[in-house]
Amino acid sequence: MTKIILVDDDPAILDALGSRLKLAGFEVDTHEDADHFLESADLRAADCIMLDIRMPKHDGMEVLEQLQERDPALPVVMMTGHGDIDLAVAAIRKGAMDFLEKPFSDERLMDAVQTAVKLREAGRKASQERADLAARAEQLTPREMEVFRELVTGQPNKVIAYNLGCSPRTVEIHRARVMAKMGAQNLAEIVRIAIELGIQPEA
């Protein structure tokens, strides 16, 4: 179930927002205290954080900064009272996904939460795809990895062969193996994969 974490020092707001979100089918975790939230919340299981800007002890901006350090891909929606728009804009610059000015409508709430959830799903999918690619790259032999690095340059086999001190035929064989192991259909795909993994030719 999609999980939303609410952080606000006003229990009435937590109760109202929690009820709205639960009725919409979300799992909701509420926190009145920012310290307790930072110490106990399972951010990996969260799909969206709704965070009040003005709270005692740690204000929302400080909490946002800590969230960015711990999980920069986790969407954070800031909640702000009248007169805090400048702070809300600053929060966006610091990595918040959106901000809601209190009081906000159910439609505005759901729009922000659903956008955040979609971003979280896309981020998790991209992270898993990258992990899968990294696992495939680990299956390459040292020579295949050398060829992989050279493929990023877009050089023909004979140039790669010269750079590696082997024959063009050897490069051709290893190139085919690299393409197969990495699941690439063409040179453009293998270059994209290399960029995704941060693989570059040897200096």
C-alpha atoms as a PDB file:
ATOM      1  CA  MET A   1       0.000   0.000   0.000  1.00  0.00           C
ATOM      2  CA  THR A   2       1.191   3.500  -0.834  1.00  0.00           C
ATOM      3  CA  LYS A   3       2.523   5.189   2.300  1.00  0.00           C
ATOM      4  CA  ILE A   4       2.296   8.894   3.104  1.00  0.00           C
ATOM      5  CA  ILE A   5       4.103  10.377   6.133  1.00  0.00           C
ATOM      6  CA  LEU A   6       2.641  13.527   7.682  1.00  0.00           C
ATOM      7  CA  VAL A   7       4.815  15.769   9.873  1.00  0.00           C
ATOM      8  CA  ASP A   8       3.078  18.694  11.617  1.00  0.00           C
ATOM      9  CA  ASP A   9       3.081  19.908  15.205  1.00  0.00           C
ATOM     10  CA  ASP A  10      -0.703  20.545  15.057  1.00  0.00           C
ATOM     11  CA  PRO A  11      -2.558  17.302  15.980  1.00  0.00           C
ATOM     12  CA  ALA A  12      -5.806  18.642  14.498  1.00  0.00           C
ATOM     13  CA  ILE A  13      -4.161  19.042  11.087  1.00  0.00           C
ATOM     14  CA  LEU A  14      -2.599  15.595  11.325  1.00  0.00           C
ATOM     15  CA  ASP A  15      -5.984  14.097  12.162  1.00  0.00           C
ATOM     16  CA  ALA A  16      -7.783  15.908   9.342  1.00  0.00           C
ATOM     17  CA  LEU A  17      -5.173  15.170   6.677  1.00  0.00           C
ATOM     18  CA  GLY A  18      -4.723  11.601   7.866  1.00  0.00           C
ATOM     19  CA  SER A  19      -8.447  10.962   7.602  1.00  0.00           C
ATOM     20  CA  ARG A  20      -8.616  12.418   4.071  1.00  0.00           C
ATOM     21  CA  LEU A  21      -5.701  10.330   2.865  1.00  0.00           C
ATOM     22  CA  LYS A  22      -6.901   7.118   4.528  1.00  0.00           C
ATOM     23  CA  LEU A  23     -10.296   7.535   2.872  1.00  0.00           C
ATOM     24  CA  ALA A  24      -8.433   7.802  -0.445  1.00  0.00           C
ATOM     25  CA  GLY A  25      -6.775   4.442   0.232  1.00  0.00           C
ATOM     26  CA  PHE A  26      -3.346   5.532   1.445  1.00  0.00           C
ATOM     27  CA  GLU A  27      -1.444   4.174   4.418  1.00  0.00           C
ATOM     28  CA  VAL A  28      -0.688   7.125   6.698  1.00  0.00           C
ATOM     29  CA  ASP A  29       2.018   7.600   9.323  1.00  0.00           C
ATOM     30  CA  THR A  30       1.784  10.787  11.424  1.00  0.00           C
ATOM     31  CA  HIS A  31       4.376  12.635  13.509  1.00  0.00           C
ATOM     32  CA  GLU A  32       3.902  15.716  15.715  1.00  0.00           C
ATOM     33  CA  ASP A  33       7.590  15.918  16.558  1.00  0.00           C
ATOM     34  CA  ALA A  34      10.299  16.384  13.924  1.00  0.00           C
ATOM     35  CA  ASP A  35      12.964  14.705  16.061  1.00  0.00           C
ATOM     36  CA  HIS A  36      10.836  11.604  16.550  1.00  0.00           C
ATOM     37  CA  PHE A  37      10.071  11.532  12.841  1.00  0.00           C
ATOM     38  CA  LEU A  38      13.732  11.706  11.847  1.00  0.00           C
ATOM     39  CA  GLU A  39      14.682   9.027  14.388  1.00  0.00           C
ATOM     40  CA  SER A  40      11.890   6.526  13.759  1.00  0.00           C
ATOM     41  CA  ALA A  41      10.408   6.914  10.273  1.00  0.00           C
ATOM     42  CA  ASP A  42      11.206   4.278   7.656  1.00  0.00           C
ATOM     43  CA  LEU A  43      11.959   6.498   4.675  1.00  0.00           C
ATOM     44  CA  ARG A  44      12.558   3.571   2.339  1.00  0.00           C
ATOM     45  CA  ALA A  45       8.927   2.511   2.707  1.00  0.00           C
ATOM     46  CA  ALA A  46       7.583   6.050   2.234  1.00  0.00           C
ATOM     47  CA  ASP A  47       6.166   7.315  -1.056  1.00  0.00           C
ATOM     48  CA  CYS A  48       5.683  10.935  -0.010  1.00  0.00           C
ATOM     49  CA  ILE A  49       6.452  13.184   2.966  1.00  0.00           C
ATOM     50  CA  MET A  50       4.079  16.034   3.790  1.00  0.00           C
ATOM     51  CA  LEU A  51       6.038  18.430   5.961  1.00  0.00           C
ATOM     52  CA  ASP A  52       4.964  21.608   7.765  1.00  0.00           C
ATOM     53  CA  ILE A  53       7.366  24.510   7.296  1.00  0.00           C
ATOM     54  CA  ARG A  54       6.969  26.038  10.760  1.00  0.00           C
ATOM     55  CA  MET A  55       7.497  23.671  13.702  1.00  0.00           C
ATOM     56  CA  PRO A  56       9.169  24.005  17.115  1.00  0.00           C
ATOM     57  CA  LYS A  57      12.750  22.752  17.626  1.00  0.00           C
ATOM     58  CA  HIS A  58      13.451  21.848  13.993  1.00  0.00           C
ATOM     59  CA  ASP A  59      11.590  23.830  11.380  1.00  0.00           C
ATOM     60  CA  GLY A  60      10.554  22.242   8.116  1.00  0.00           C
ATOM     61  CA  MET A  61      13.497  23.657   6.195  1.00  0.00           C
ATOM     62  CA  GLU A  62      15.978  21.948   8.526  1.00  0.00           C
ATOM     63  CA  VAL A  63      14.070  18.685   8.271  1.00  0.00           C
ATOM     64  CA  LEU A  64      13.960  19.016   4.466  1.00  0.00           C
ATOM     65  CA  GLU A  65      17.741  19.400   4.369  1.00  0.00           C
ATOM     66  CA  GLN A  66      18.186  16.221   6.410  1.00  0.00           C
ATOM     67  CA  LEU A  67      15.742  14.349   4.186  1.00  0.00           C
ATOM     68  CA  GLN A  68      17.674  15.467   1.108  1.00  0.00           C
ATOM     69  CA  GLU A  69      20.851  14.045   2.620  1.00  0.00           C
ATOM     70  CA  ARG A  70      19.250  10.722   3.549  1.00  0.00           C
ATOM     71  CA  ASP A  71      17.023  10.122   0.517  1.00  0.00           C
ATOM     72  CA  PRO A  72      17.128  12.863  -2.136  1.00  0.00           C
ATOM     73  CA  ALA A  73      14.723  10.928  -4.370  1.00  0.00           C
ATOM     74  CA  LEU A  74      11.943  10.933  -1.752  1.00  0.00           C
ATOM     75  CA  PRO A  75       9.265  13.479  -2.787  1.00  0.00           C
ATOM     76  CA  VAL A  76       8.556  16.091  -0.100  1.00  0.00           C
ATOM     77  CA  VAL A  77       5.487  18.333  -0.157  1.00  0.00           C
ATOM     78  CA  MET A  78       5.814  21.349   2.131  1.00  0.00           C
ATOM     79  CA  MET A  79       2.748  22.709   3.948  1.00  0.00           C
ATOM     80  CA  THR A  80       2.762  26.423   4.641  1.00  0.00           C
ATOM     81  CA  GLY A  81       0.598  28.985   6.342  1.00  0.00           C
ATOM     82  CA  HIS A  82      -0.286  32.387   4.926  1.00  0.00           C
ATOM     83  CA  GLY A  83       2.757  34.602   4.655  1.00  0.00           C
ATOM     84  CA  ASP A  84       5.284  31.812   4.246  1.00  0.00           C
ATOM     85  CA  ILE A  85       5.308  31.735   0.448  1.00  0.00           C
ATOM     86  CA  ASP A  86       8.899  32.988   0.260  1.00  0.00           C
ATOM     87  CA  LEU A  87       9.933  30.125   2.514  1.00  0.00           C
ATOM     88  CA  ALA A  88       7.967  27.688   0.394  1.00  0.00           C
ATOM     89  CA  VAL A  89       9.725  28.864  -2.760  1.00  0.00           C
ATOM     90  CA  ALA A  90      13.057  28.482  -0.969  1.00  0.00           C
ATOM     91  CA  ALA A  91      12.028  24.935  -0.053  1.00  0.00           C
ATOM     92  CA  ILE A  92      11.433  24.146  -3.723  1.00  0.00           C
ATOM     93  CA  ARG A  93      14.934  25.371  -4.473  1.00  0.00           C
ATOM     94  CA  LYS A  94      16.258  23.090  -1.739  1.00  0.00           C
ATOM     95  CA  GLY A  95      14.598  20.042  -3.283  1.00  0.00           C
ATOM     96  CA  ALA A  96      10.955  19.988  -2.177  1.00  0.00           C
ATOM     97  CA  MET A  97       8.596  18.743  -4.890  1.00  0.00           C
ATOM     98  CA  ASP A  98       5.695  21.088  -4.154  1.00  0.00           C
ATOM     99  CA  PHE A  99       4.102  23.223  -1.463  1.00  0.00           C
ATOM    100  CA  LEU A 100       0.519  23.594  -0.293  1.00  0.00           C
ATOM    101  CA  GLU A 101      -0.747  26.812   1.244  1.00  0.00           C
ATOM    102  CA  LYS A 102      -3.134  26.206   4.146  1.00  0.00           C
ATOM    103  CA  PRO A 103      -6.031  25.803   3.977  1.00  0.00           C
ATOM    104  CA  PHE A 104      -5.925  23.710   0.826  1.00  0.00           C
ATOM    105  CA  SER A 105      -8.659  21.771  -0.935  1.00  0.00           C
ATOM    106  CA  ASP A 106      -8.957  18.001  -1.150  1.00  0.00           C
ATOM    107  CA  GLU A 107      -8.371  18.305  -4.894  1.00  0.00           C
ATOM    108  CA  ARG A 108      -5.098  20.183  -4.384  1.00  0.00           C
ATOM    109  CA  LEU A 109      -4.014  17.691  -1.735  1.00  0.00           C
ATOM    110  CA  MET A 110      -4.706  14.657  -3.894  1.00  0.00           C
ATOM    111  CA  ASP A 111      -3.078  16.217  -6.934  1.00  0.00           C
ATOM    112  CA  ALA A 112       0.142  16.854  -4.997  1.00  0.00           C
ATOM    113  CA  VAL A 113       0.186  13.420  -3.364  1.00  0.00           C
ATOM    114  CA  GLN A 114      -0.547  11.522  -6.570  1.00  0.00           C
ATOM    115  CA  THR A 115       2.190  13.432  -8.417  1.00  0.00           C
ATOM    116  CA  ALA A 116       4.628  12.608  -5.613  1.00  0.00           C
ATOM    117  CA  VAL A 117       3.689   8.922  -5.670  1.00  0.00           C
ATOM    118  CA  LYS A 118       4.246   8.726  -9.424  1.00  0.00           C
ATOM    119  CA  LEU A 119       7.675  10.339  -9.026  1.00  0.00           C
ATOM    120  CA  ARG A 120       8.575   7.873  -6.285  1.00  0.00           C
ATOM    121  CA  GLU A 121       7.509   4.916  -8.424  1.00  0.00           C
ATOM    122  CA  ALA A 122       9.542   6.212 -11.371  1.00  0.00           C
ATOM    123  CA  GLY A 123      12.564   6.745  -9.129  1.00  0.00           C
ATOM    124  CA  ARG A 124      12.352   3.239  -7.690  1.00  0.00           C
ATOM    125  CA  LYS A 125      12.022   1.767 -11.172  1.00  0.00           C
ATOM    126  CA  ALA A 126      15.062   3.709 -12.419  1.00  0.00           C
ATOM    127  CA  SER A 127      17.051   2.652  -9.354  1.00  0.00           C
ATOM    128  CA  GLN A 128      16.178  -1.001  -9.921  1.00  0.00           C
ATOM    129  CA  GLU A 129      17.066  -0.779 -13.608  1.00  0.00           C
ATOM    130  CA  ARG A 130      20.441   0.726 -12.720  1.00  0.00           C
ATOM    131  CA  ALA A 131      21.055  -2.011 -10.152  1.00  0.00           C
ATOM    132  CA  ASP A 132      20.223  -4.639 -12.797  1.00  0.00           C
ATOM    133  CA  LEU A 133      22.664  -3.058 -15.247  1.00  0.00           C
ATOM    134  CA  ALA A 134      25.389  -2.906 -12.591  1.00  0.00           C
ATOM    135  CA  ALA A 135      24.836  -6.602 -11.836  1.00  0.00           C
ATOM    136  CA  ARG A 136      25.185  -7.417 -15.534  1.00  0.00           C
ATOM    137  CA  ALA A 137      28.365  -5.372 -15.791  1.00  0.00           C
ATOM    138  CA  GLU A 138      29.856  -7.385 -12.937  1.00  0.00           C
ATOM    139  CA  GLN A 139      29.528 -10.498 -15.124  1.00  0.00           C
ATOM    140  CA  LEU A 140      31.875  -9.073 -17.758  1.00  0.00           C
ATOM    141  CA  THR A 141      35.401 -10.438 -17.927  1.00  0.00           C
ATOM    142  CA  PRO A 142      38.297  -7.957 -17.559  1.00  0.00           C
ATOM    143  CA  ARG A 143      38.852  -7.964 -21.329  1.00  0.00           C
ATOM    144  CA  GLU A 144      35.139  -7.490 -22.024  1.00  0.00           C
ATOM    145  CA  MET A 145      35.130  -4.532 -19.646  1.00  0.00           C
ATOM    146  CA  GLU A 146      38.072  -3.021 -21.531  1.00  0.00           C
ATOM    147  CA  VAL A 147      36.141  -3.358 -24.774  1.00  0.00           C
ATOM    148  CA  PHE A 148      33.030  -1.935 -23.075  1.00  0.00           C
ATOM    149  CA  ARG A 149      34.991   1.148 -22.036  1.00  0.00           C
ATOM    150  CA  GLU A 150      36.322   1.606 -25.576  1.00  0.00           C
ATOM    151  CA  LEU A 151      32.854   1.268 -27.114  1.00  0.00           C
ATOM    152  CA  VAL A 152      31.843   4.498 -25.374  1.00  0.00           C
ATOM    153  CA  THR A 153      34.200   6.391 -27.709  1.00  0.00           C
ATOM    154  CA  GLY A 154      32.326   5.185 -30.788  1.00  0.00           C
ATOM    155  CA  GLN A 155      35.591   4.121 -32.418  1.00  0.00           C
ATOM    156  CA  PRO A 156      35.574   1.295 -35.012  1.00  0.00           C
ATOM    157  CA  ASN A 157      36.854  -2.158 -34.059  1.00  0.00           C
ATOM    158  CA  LYS A 158      40.245  -1.660 -35.678  1.00  0.00           C
ATOM    159  CA  VAL A 159      40.947   1.453 -33.607  1.00  0.00           C
ATOM    160  CA  ILE A 160      39.798  -0.278 -30.419  1.00  0.00           C
ATOM    161  CA  ALA A 161      41.991  -3.239 -31.338  1.00  0.00           C
ATOM    162  CA  TYR A 162      44.979  -0.932 -31.716  1.00  0.00           C
ATOM    163  CA  ASN A 163      44.256   0.722 -28.371  1.00  0.00           C
ATOM    164  CA  LEU A 164      43.993  -2.645 -26.601  1.00  0.00           C
ATOM    165  CA  GLY A 165      46.823  -4.350 -28.442  1.00  0.00           C
ATOM    166  CA  CYS A 166      44.725  -7.134 -29.951  1.00  0.00           C
ATOM    167  CA  SER A 167      43.189  -8.064 -33.298  1.00  0.00           C
ATOM    168  CA  PRO A 168      39.980  -6.537 -34.717  1.00  0.00           C
ATOM    169  CA  ARG A 169      38.486 -10.043 -34.729  1.00  0.00           C
ATOM    170  CA  THR A 170      39.095 -10.358 -30.994  1.00  0.00           C
ATOM    171  CA  VAL A 171      37.420  -7.018 -30.438  1.00  0.00           C
ATOM    172  CA  GLU A 172      34.473  -8.126 -32.582  1.00  0.00           C
ATOM    173  CA  ILE A 173      34.010 -11.276 -30.476  1.00  0.00           C
ATOM    174  CA  HIS A 174      34.221  -9.425 -27.168  1.00  0.00           C
ATOM    175  CA  ARG A 175      31.992  -6.657 -28.454  1.00  0.00           C
ATOM    176  CA  ALA A 176      29.267  -9.205 -29.291  1.00  0.00           C
ATOM    177  CA  ARG A 177      29.595 -10.727 -25.815  1.00  0.00           C
ATOM    178  CA  VAL A 178      29.371  -7.312 -24.152  1.00  0.00           C
ATOM    179  CA  MET A 179      26.245  -6.466 -26.139  1.00  0.00           C
ATOM    180  CA  ALA A 180      24.635  -9.779 -25.220  1.00  0.00           C
ATOM    181  CA  LYS A 181      25.496  -9.667 -21.516  1.00  0.00           C
ATOM    182  CA  MET A 182      24.345  -6.052 -21.156  1.00  0.00           C
ATOM    183  CA  GLY A 183      21.165  -6.633 -23.149  1.00  0.00           C
ATOM    184  CA  ALA A 184      21.975  -3.958 -25.735  1.00  0.00           C
ATOM    185  CA  GLN A 185      20.651  -4.174 -29.279  1.00  0.00           C
ATOM    186  CA  ASN A 186      22.916  -1.582 -30.841  1.00  0.00           C
ATOM    187  CA  LEU A 187      25.814   0.791 -30.212  1.00  0.00           C
ATOM    188  CA  ALA A 188      23.540   3.630 -29.093  1.00  0.00           C
ATOM    189  CA  GLU A 189      22.085   1.435 -26.350  1.00  0.00           C
ATOM    190  CA  ILE A 190      25.463   0.241 -25.112  1.00  0.00           C
ATOM    191  CA  VAL A 191      26.711   3.843 -24.965  1.00  0.00           C
ATOM    192  CA  ARG A 192      23.602   4.873 -23.004  1.00  0.00           C
ATOM    193  CA  ILE A 193      24.173   2.001 -20.573  1.00  0.00           C
ATOM    194  CA  ALA A 194      27.819   2.971 -20.150  1.00  0.00           C
ATOM    195  CA  ILE A 195      26.839   6.565 -19.384  1.00  0.00           C
ATOM    196  CA  GLU A 196      24.213   5.356 -16.909  1.00  0.00           C
ATOM    197  CA  LEU A 197      26.828   3.292 -15.100  1.00  0.00           C
ATOM    198  CA  GLY A 198      29.508   5.964 -15.294  1.00  0.00           C
ATOM    199  CA  ILE A 199      31.750   3.737 -17.403  1.00  0.00           C
ATOM    200  CA  GLN A 200      34.289   5.712 -19.442  1.00  0.00           C
ATOM    201  CA  PRO A 201      37.336   4.838 -21.537  1.00  0.00           C
ATOM    202  CA  GLU A 202      40.644   4.532 -19.736  1.00  0.00           C
ATOM    203  CA  ALA A 203      42.586   7.781 -19.637  1.00  0.00           C
END
